[in-house]
Protein backbone atom coordinates (compact mmCIF):
# COMPACT_ATOMS: atom_id res chain seq x y z
CA UNK A 1 -10.20 -10.09 -98.74
CA UNK A 2 -7.60 -10.44 -95.96
CA UNK A 3 -8.33 -6.90 -94.68
CA UNK A 4 -12.03 -7.74 -94.49
CA UNK A 5 -11.29 -10.98 -92.60
CA UNK A 6 -9.03 -9.16 -90.11
CA UNK A 7 -11.65 -6.45 -89.56
CA UNK A 8 -14.32 -9.11 -88.99
CA UNK A 9 -12.13 -10.90 -86.44
CA UNK A 10 -11.39 -7.63 -84.61
CA UNK A 11 -15.08 -6.73 -84.47
CA UNK A 12 -16.06 -10.22 -83.32
CA UNK A 13 -13.42 -10.17 -80.58
CA UNK A 14 -14.42 -6.71 -79.36
CA UNK A 15 -18.11 -7.72 -79.26
CA UNK A 16 -17.26 -10.84 -77.29
CA UNK A 17 -15.21 -8.84 -74.78
CA UNK A 18 -17.92 -6.19 -74.39
CA UNK A 19 -20.63 -8.79 -73.74
CA UNK A 20 -18.57 -10.31 -70.92
CA UNK A 21 -18.29 -6.97 -69.10
CA UNK A 22 -20.65 -6.03 -66.30
CA UNK A 23 -20.68 -2.28 -65.74
CA UNK A 24 -20.98 -1.11 -62.15
CA UNK A 25 -22.46 2.00 -60.57
CA UNK A 26 -19.86 2.84 -57.91
CA UNK A 27 -22.67 3.92 -55.56
CA UNK A 28 -23.96 0.33 -55.72
CA UNK A 29 -20.62 -1.27 -54.83
CA UNK A 30 -19.24 -2.14 -51.39
CA UNK A 31 -15.49 -2.52 -51.08
CA UNK A 32 -15.33 -2.79 -47.29
CA UNK A 33 -14.34 -6.46 -47.51
CA UNK A 34 -10.59 -7.06 -47.60
CA UNK A 35 -10.16 -9.04 -50.79
CA UNK A 36 -13.42 -8.71 -52.67
CA UNK A 37 -16.11 -6.34 -53.88
CA UNK A 38 -19.86 -6.76 -53.53
CA UNK A 39 -22.13 -5.32 -56.20
CA UNK A 40 -25.75 -4.55 -55.32
CA UNK A 41 -28.38 -5.47 -57.87
CA UNK A 42 -31.62 -4.80 -55.99
CA UNK A 43 -33.71 -6.06 -53.05
CA UNK A 44 -30.67 -6.64 -50.79
CA UNK A 45 -29.24 -9.03 -53.35
CA UNK A 46 -25.51 -8.81 -54.04
CA UNK A 47 -22.92 -10.57 -56.20
CA UNK A 48 -19.23 -10.85 -55.36
CA UNK A 49 -16.14 -10.27 -57.47
CA UNK A 50 -12.47 -10.03 -56.67
CA UNK A 51 -11.51 -7.81 -59.59
CA UNK A 52 -12.71 -4.38 -60.70
CA UNK A 53 -11.53 -2.52 -63.80
CA UNK A 54 -11.93 1.07 -64.94
CA UNK A 55 -11.49 2.67 -68.33
CA UNK A 56 -12.96 5.63 -70.20
CA UNK A 57 -16.33 3.85 -70.48
CA UNK A 58 -16.71 3.28 -66.72
CA UNK A 59 -16.14 0.79 -63.93
CA UNK A 60 -16.72 -2.87 -64.72
CA UNK A 61 -15.88 -6.48 -63.97
CA UNK A 62 -16.01 -9.53 -66.18
CA UNK A 63 -18.71 -12.18 -65.82
CA UNK A 64 -15.98 -14.78 -65.32
CA UNK A 65 -14.76 -12.90 -62.20
CA UNK A 66 -18.07 -13.23 -60.34
CA UNK A 67 -18.20 -15.78 -57.54
CA UNK A 68 -20.06 -18.92 -58.59
CA UNK A 69 -21.98 -21.38 -56.42
CA UNK A 70 -20.14 -24.24 -54.77
CA UNK A 71 -22.58 -26.85 -56.03
CA UNK A 72 -23.58 -25.24 -59.33
CA UNK A 73 -20.59 -23.71 -61.10
CA UNK A 74 -22.89 -22.27 -63.79
CA UNK A 75 -24.86 -20.08 -61.36
CA UNK A 76 -23.51 -16.84 -59.90
CA UNK A 77 -23.66 -16.94 -56.09
CA UNK A 78 -26.20 -14.47 -54.67
CA UNK A 79 -25.63 -12.86 -51.25
CA UNK A 80 -27.68 -10.80 -48.81
CA UNK A 81 -26.26 -8.11 -46.51
CA UNK A 82 -27.16 -8.24 -42.82
CA UNK A 83 -28.64 -4.85 -41.86
CA UNK A 84 -27.07 -5.03 -38.38
CA UNK A 85 -23.49 -6.24 -38.79
CA UNK A 86 -23.18 -5.48 -42.54
CA UNK A 87 -21.70 -8.87 -43.39
CA UNK A 88 -22.63 -10.85 -46.49
CA UNK A 89 -24.16 -14.33 -46.48
CA UNK A 90 -25.34 -16.61 -49.28
CA UNK A 91 -29.10 -16.41 -49.87
CA UNK A 92 -30.89 -18.83 -47.57
CA UNK A 93 -28.15 -18.71 -44.92
CA UNK A 94 -28.97 -16.83 -41.71
CA UNK A 95 -26.43 -14.38 -40.29
CA UNK A 96 -23.62 -16.42 -38.74
CA UNK A 97 -22.12 -13.57 -36.70
CA UNK A 98 -22.52 -14.59 -33.01
CA UNK A 99 -22.36 -10.94 -31.89
CA UNK A 100 -25.18 -9.84 -34.18
CA UNK A 101 -28.81 -9.43 -33.03
CA UNK A 102 -30.07 -10.29 -36.54
CA UNK A 103 -32.83 -12.82 -36.98
CA UNK A 104 -32.89 -12.49 -40.75
CA UNK A 105 -32.68 -15.70 -42.77
């Protein structure tokens, strides 16, 4: 009975940990920023994390390590990458680089 309970707890813990992982294709990751990584997930939409892990199953981060919105802590902050200066800005914010010719919102 105790062995079955321990095995159940181990399986439940490993499932919980695996569901929190977000696996990353290294070709879809930008590490040019000094203290963070940006992960591309389509249509010039990026998410930010400050921690990347690697093991035999691949490269990943945890959901809890993704940057969340300032006003809505439940939502992961989405960024866009300026095609001219290659800086990241929250969706809906135009490029703030004064030396950039970008007119993208």
